[in-house]
Amino acid sequence: MKKNIVILSKPISWVSLMLIVVPPVLYFTDAVTMEIMNALLLAGTLIWFVTAPLWMRGE
């Protein structure tokens, strides 16, 4: 069970990092509004802080 959580949390945390990196670029190119960018940044941050400790404990 614990190994499954580690296997699932690692890719989820990498996707959350993409939610932190990509939205500012999209905002800079006027592809999204500031409200959408802020929402994506908040979601990415929250997901990162929940999932990253799950797989970083063993490393």
PDB file of N, CA and C in Angstrom:
ATOM      1  N   MET A   1       0.831  -1.204   0.000  1.00  0.00           N
ATOM      2  CA  MET A   1       0.000   0.000   0.000  1.00  0.00           C
ATOM      3  C   MET A   1       0.865   1.253   0.000  1.00  0.00           C
ATOM      4  N   LYS A   2       1.890   1.264   0.872  1.00  0.00           N
ATOM      5  CA  LYS A   2       2.736   2.444   0.970  1.00  0.00           C
ATOM      6  C   LYS A   2       3.503   2.691  -0.323  1.00  0.00           C
ATOM      7  N   LYS A   3       3.945   1.614  -0.979  1.00  0.00           N
ATOM      8  CA  LYS A   3       4.672   1.753  -2.231  1.00  0.00           C
ATOM      9  C   LYS A   3       3.761   2.315  -3.328  1.00  0.00           C
ATOM     10  N   ASN A   4       2.478   1.934  -3.313  1.00  0.00           N
ATOM     11  CA  ASN A   4       1.530   2.468  -4.288  1.00  0.00           C
ATOM     12  C   ASN A   4       1.350   3.970  -4.121  1.00  0.00           C
ATOM     13  N   ILE A   5       1.340   4.422  -2.895  1.00  0.00           N
ATOM     14  CA  ILE A   5       1.198   5.856  -2.641  1.00  0.00           C
ATOM     15  C   ILE A   5       2.411   6.599  -3.180  1.00  0.00           C
ATOM     16  N   VAL A   6       3.586   6.049  -2.972  1.00  0.00           N
ATOM     17  CA  VAL A   6       4.806   6.678  -3.481  1.00  0.00           C
ATOM     18  C   VAL A   6       4.790   6.707  -5.002  1.00  0.00           C
ATOM     19  N   ILE A   7       4.395   5.615  -5.617  1.00  0.00           N
ATOM     20  CA  ILE A   7       4.353   5.535  -7.081  1.00  0.00           C
ATOM     21  C   ILE A   7       3.359   6.545  -7.647  1.00  0.00           C
ATOM     22  N   LEU A   8       2.229   6.725  -6.999  1.00  0.00           N
ATOM     23  CA  LEU A   8       1.229   7.680  -7.486  1.00  0.00           C
ATOM     24  C   LEU A   8       1.576   9.130  -7.168  1.00  0.00           C
ATOM     25  N   SER A   9       2.190   9.365  -6.031  1.00  0.00           N
ATOM     26  CA  SER A   9       2.428  10.753  -5.621  1.00  0.00           C
ATOM     27  C   SER A   9       3.541  11.419  -6.416  1.00  0.00           C
ATOM     28  N   LYS A  10       4.493  10.659  -6.911  1.00  0.00           N
ATOM     29  CA  LYS A  10       5.606  11.250  -7.647  1.00  0.00           C
ATOM     30  C   LYS A  10       5.141  11.910  -8.949  1.00  0.00           C
ATOM     31  N   PRO A  11       4.426  11.233  -9.837  1.00  0.00           N
ATOM     32  CA  PRO A  11       3.979  11.910 -11.050  1.00  0.00           C
ATOM     33  C   PRO A  11       2.969  13.028 -10.776  1.00  0.00           C
ATOM     34  N   ILE A  12       2.161  12.857  -9.751  1.00  0.00           N
ATOM     35  CA  ILE A  12       1.207  13.915  -9.411  1.00  0.00           C
ATOM     36  C   ILE A  12       1.946  15.167  -8.975  1.00  0.00           C
ATOM     37  N   SER A  13       3.008  15.008  -8.204  1.00  0.00           N
ATOM     38  CA  SER A  13       3.767  16.177  -7.767  1.00  0.00           C
ATOM     39  C   SER A  13       4.483  16.833  -8.937  1.00  0.00           C
ATOM     40  N   TRP A  14       4.950  16.051  -9.911  1.00  0.00           N
ATOM     41  CA  TRP A  14       5.573  16.649 -11.098  1.00  0.00           C
ATOM     42  C   TRP A  14       4.555  17.430 -11.923  1.00  0.00           C
ATOM     43  N   VAL A  15       3.345  16.927 -12.024  1.00  0.00           N
ATOM     44  CA  VAL A  15       2.286  17.667 -12.724  1.00  0.00           C
ATOM     45  C   VAL A  15       1.975  18.958 -11.984  1.00  0.00           C
ATOM     46  N   SER A  16       1.994  18.912 -10.663  1.00  0.00           N
ATOM     47  CA  SER A  16       1.731  20.130  -9.895  1.00  0.00           C
ATOM     48  C   SER A  16       2.820  21.165 -10.123  1.00  0.00           C
ATOM     49  N   LEU A  17       4.057  20.721 -10.315  1.00  0.00           N
ATOM     50  CA  LEU A  17       5.120  21.673 -10.650  1.00  0.00           C
ATOM     51  C   LEU A  17       4.868  22.326 -12.001  1.00  0.00           C
ATOM     52  N   MET A  18       4.311  21.564 -12.918  1.00  0.00           N
ATOM     53  CA  MET A  18       3.957  22.153 -14.214  1.00  0.00           C
ATOM     54  C   MET A  18       2.853  23.196 -14.037  1.00  0.00           C
ATOM     55  N   LEU A  19       1.952  22.972 -13.077  1.00  0.00           N
ATOM     56  CA  LEU A  19       0.909  23.959 -12.789  1.00  0.00           C
ATOM     57  C   LEU A  19       1.493  25.231 -12.182  1.00  0.00           C
ATOM     58  N   ILE A  20       2.707  25.156 -11.682  1.00  0.00           N
ATOM     59  CA  ILE A  20       3.354  26.329 -11.120  1.00  0.00           C
ATOM     60  C   ILE A  20       4.194  27.047 -12.177  1.00  0.00           C
ATOM     61  N   VAL A  21       4.715  26.323 -13.144  1.00  0.00           N
ATOM     62  CA  VAL A  21       5.609  26.911 -14.147  1.00  0.00           C
ATOM     63  C   VAL A  21       4.852  27.434 -15.374  1.00  0.00           C
ATOM     64  N   VAL A  22       3.887  26.695 -15.863  1.00  0.00           N
ATOM     65  CA  VAL A  22       3.234  27.014 -17.130  1.00  0.00           C
ATOM     66  C   VAL A  22       2.289  28.222 -17.066  1.00  0.00           C
ATOM     67  N   PRO A  23       1.444  28.373 -16.049  1.00  0.00           N
ATOM     68  CA  PRO A  23       0.496  29.487 -16.054  1.00  0.00           C
ATOM     69  C   PRO A  23       1.119  30.884 -16.187  1.00  0.00           C
ATOM     70  N   PRO A  24       2.246  31.190 -15.539  1.00  0.00           N
ATOM     71  CA  PRO A  24       2.826  32.521 -15.768  1.00  0.00           C
ATOM     72  C   PRO A  24       3.242  32.749 -17.219  1.00  0.00           C
ATOM     73  N   VAL A  25       3.710  31.690 -17.876  1.00  0.00           N
ATOM     74  CA  VAL A  25       4.067  31.818 -19.296  1.00  0.00           C
ATOM     75  C   VAL A  25       2.815  32.075 -20.122  1.00  0.00           C
ATOM     76  N   LEU A  26       1.750  31.351 -19.811  1.00  0.00           N
ATOM     77  CA  LEU A  26       0.491  31.566 -20.523  1.00  0.00           C
ATOM     78  C   LEU A  26      -0.051  32.969 -20.280  1.00  0.00           C
ATOM     79  N   TYR A  27       0.096  33.458 -19.067  1.00  0.00           N
ATOM     80  CA  TYR A  27      -0.353  34.820 -18.760  1.00  0.00           C
ATOM     81  C   TYR A  27       0.480  35.844 -19.514  1.00  0.00           C
ATOM     82  N   PHE A  28       1.775  35.611 -19.592  1.00  0.00           N
ATOM     83  CA  PHE A  28       2.673  36.519 -20.305  1.00  0.00           C
ATOM     84  C   PHE A  28       2.311  36.598 -21.782  1.00  0.00           C
ATOM     85  N   THR A  29       1.829  35.504 -22.352  1.00  0.00           N
ATOM     86  CA  THR A  29       1.435  35.484 -23.761  1.00  0.00           C
ATOM     87  C   THR A  29      -0.045  35.826 -23.958  1.00  0.00           C
ATOM     88  N   ASP A  30      -0.695  36.270 -22.904  1.00  0.00           N
ATOM     89  CA  ASP A  30      -2.119  36.646 -22.933  1.00  0.00           C
ATOM     90  C   ASP A  30      -3.046  35.488 -23.296  1.00  0.00           C
ATOM     91  N   ALA A  31      -2.653  34.292 -22.940  1.00  0.00           N
ATOM     92  CA  ALA A  31      -3.496  33.125 -23.211  1.00  0.00           C
ATOM     93  C   ALA A  31      -4.502  32.878 -22.092  1.00  0.00           C
ATOM     94  N   VAL A  32      -4.187  33.342 -20.873  1.00  0.00           N
ATOM     95  CA  VAL A  32      -5.101  33.200 -19.740  1.00  0.00           C
ATOM     96  C   VAL A  32      -5.166  34.523 -18.988  1.00  0.00           C
ATOM     97  N   THR A  33      -6.216  34.667 -18.202  1.00  0.00           N
ATOM     98  CA  THR A  33      -6.352  35.874 -17.388  1.00  0.00           C
ATOM     99  C   THR A  33      -5.588  35.704 -16.081  1.00  0.00           C
ATOM    100  N   MET A  34      -5.437  36.785 -15.368  1.00  0.00           N
ATOM    101  CA  MET A  34      -4.725  36.729 -14.097  1.00  0.00           C
ATOM    102  C   MET A  34      -5.467  35.861 -13.087  1.00  0.00           C
ATOM    103  N   GLU A  35      -6.794  35.886 -13.112  1.00  0.00           N
ATOM    104  CA  GLU A  35      -7.578  35.080 -12.181  1.00  0.00           C
ATOM    105  C   GLU A  35      -7.345  33.587 -12.406  1.00  0.00           C
ATOM    106  N   ILE A  36      -7.324  33.184 -13.670  1.00  0.00           N
ATOM    107  CA  ILE A  36      -7.073  31.775 -13.988  1.00  0.00           C
ATOM    108  C   ILE A  36      -5.650  31.403 -13.598  1.00  0.00           C
ATOM    109  N   MET A  37      -4.691  32.270 -13.893  1.00  0.00           N
ATOM    110  CA  MET A  37      -3.306  31.998 -13.522  1.00  0.00           C
ATOM    111  C   MET A  37      -3.178  31.824 -12.011  1.00  0.00           C
ATOM    112  N   ASN A  38      -3.779  32.717 -11.249  1.00  0.00           N
ATOM    113  CA  ASN A  38      -3.695  32.627  -9.793  1.00  0.00           C
ATOM    114  C   ASN A  38      -4.331  31.348  -9.270  1.00  0.00           C
ATOM    115  N   ALA A  39      -5.457  30.953  -9.856  1.00  0.00           N
ATOM    116  CA  ALA A  39      -6.120  29.723  -9.434  1.00  0.00           C
ATOM    117  C   ALA A  39      -5.240  28.507  -9.725  1.00  0.00           C
ATOM    118  N   LEU A  40      -4.610  28.476 -10.895  1.00  0.00           N
ATOM    119  CA  LEU A  40      -3.738  27.361 -11.242  1.00  0.00           C
ATOM    120  C   LEU A  40      -2.495  27.325 -10.357  1.00  0.00           C
ATOM    121  N   LEU A  41      -1.940  28.485 -10.057  1.00  0.00           N
ATOM    122  CA  LEU A  41      -0.783  28.541  -9.171  1.00  0.00           C
ATOM    123  C   LEU A  41      -1.128  28.044  -7.767  1.00  0.00           C
ATOM    124  N   LEU A  42      -2.284  28.448  -7.278  1.00  0.00           N
ATOM    125  CA  LEU A  42      -2.710  27.988  -5.952  1.00  0.00           C
ATOM    126  C   LEU A  42      -2.928  26.485  -5.941  1.00  0.00           C
ATOM    127  N   ALA A  43      -3.594  25.971  -6.975  1.00  0.00           N
ATOM    128  CA  ALA A  43      -3.838  24.528  -7.056  1.00  0.00           C
ATOM    129  C   ALA A  43      -2.517  23.766  -7.133  1.00  0.00           C
ATOM    130  N   GLY A  44      -1.603  24.228  -7.960  1.00  0.00           N
ATOM    131  CA  GLY A  44      -0.313  23.558  -8.084  1.00  0.00           C
ATOM    132  C   GLY A  44       0.463  23.565  -6.786  1.00  0.00           C
ATOM    133  N   THR A  45       0.426  24.678  -6.071  1.00  0.00           N
ATOM    134  CA  THR A  45       1.136  24.778  -4.800  1.00  0.00           C
ATOM    135  C   THR A  45       0.546  23.829  -3.763  1.00  0.00           C
ATOM    136  N   LEU A  46      -0.769  23.824  -3.655  1.00  0.00           N
ATOM    137  CA  LEU A  46      -1.412  22.940  -2.675  1.00  0.00           C
ATOM    138  C   LEU A  46      -1.151  21.471  -2.985  1.00  0.00           C
ATOM    139  N   ILE A  47      -1.260  21.110  -4.262  1.00  0.00           N
ATOM    140  CA  ILE A  47      -1.017  19.717  -4.644  1.00  0.00           C
ATOM    141  C   ILE A  47       0.434  19.336  -4.367  1.00  0.00           C
ATOM    142  N   TRP A  48       1.365  20.241  -4.653  1.00  0.00           N
ATOM    143  CA  TRP A  48       2.781  19.952  -4.407  1.00  0.00           C
ATOM    144  C   TRP A  48       3.036  19.692  -2.922  1.00  0.00           C
ATOM    145  N   PHE A  49       2.504  20.558  -2.059  1.00  0.00           N
ATOM    146  CA  PHE A  49       2.767  20.394  -0.625  1.00  0.00           C
ATOM    147  C   PHE A  49       2.079  19.170  -0.033  1.00  0.00           C
ATOM    148  N   VAL A  50       1.066  18.654  -0.685  1.00  0.00           N
ATOM    149  CA  VAL A  50       0.432  17.423  -0.212  1.00  0.00           C
ATOM    150  C   VAL A  50       1.173  16.192  -0.734  1.00  0.00           C
ATOM    151  N   THR A  51       1.587  16.202  -1.994  1.00  0.00           N
ATOM    152  CA  THR A  51       2.144  14.988  -2.601  1.00  0.00           C
ATOM    153  C   THR A  51       3.655  14.847  -2.462  1.00  0.00           C
ATOM    154  N   ALA A  52       4.402  15.920  -2.492  1.00  0.00           N
ATOM    155  CA  ALA A  52       5.869  15.820  -2.477  1.00  0.00           C
ATOM    156  C   ALA A  52       6.408  15.149  -1.214  1.00  0.00           C
ATOM    157  N   PRO A  53       5.917  15.476  -0.029  1.00  0.00           N
ATOM    158  CA  PRO A  53       6.463  14.791   1.162  1.00  0.00           C
ATOM    159  C   PRO A  53       6.231  13.286   1.162  1.00  0.00           C
ATOM    160  N   LEU A  54       5.217  12.827   0.452  1.00  0.00           N
ATOM    161  CA  LEU A  54       4.929  11.390   0.434  1.00  0.00           C
ATOM    162  C   LEU A  54       6.042  10.602  -0.237  1.00  0.00           C
ATOM    163  N   TRP A  55       6.629  11.130  -1.294  1.00  0.00           N
ATOM    164  CA  TRP A  55       7.683  10.379  -1.971  1.00  0.00           C
ATOM    165  C   TRP A  55       9.086  10.871  -1.599  1.00  0.00           C
ATOM    166  N   MET A  56       9.198  12.028  -0.977  1.00  0.00           N
ATOM    167  CA  MET A  56      10.512  12.529  -0.608  1.00  0.00           C
ATOM    168  C   MET A  56      10.982  11.982   0.747  1.00  0.00           C
ATOM    169  N   ARG A  57      10.119  11.384   1.498  1.00  0.00           N
ATOM    170  CA  ARG A  57      10.502  10.830   2.801  1.00  0.00           C
ATOM    171  C   ARG A  57      11.598   9.785   2.687  1.00  0.00           C
ATOM    172  N   GLY A  58      11.469   8.927   1.699  1.00  0.00           N
ATOM    173  CA  GLY A  58      12.418   7.830   1.555  1.00  0.00           C
ATOM    174  C   GLY A  58      13.731   8.216   0.902  1.00  0.00           C
ATOM    175  N   GLU A  59      13.799   9.390   0.311  1.00  0.00           N
ATOM    176  CA  GLU A  59      15.021   9.787  -0.400  1.00  0.00           C
ATOM    177  C   GLU A  59      15.921  10.630   0.454  1.00  0.00           C
TER     178      GLU A  59
END
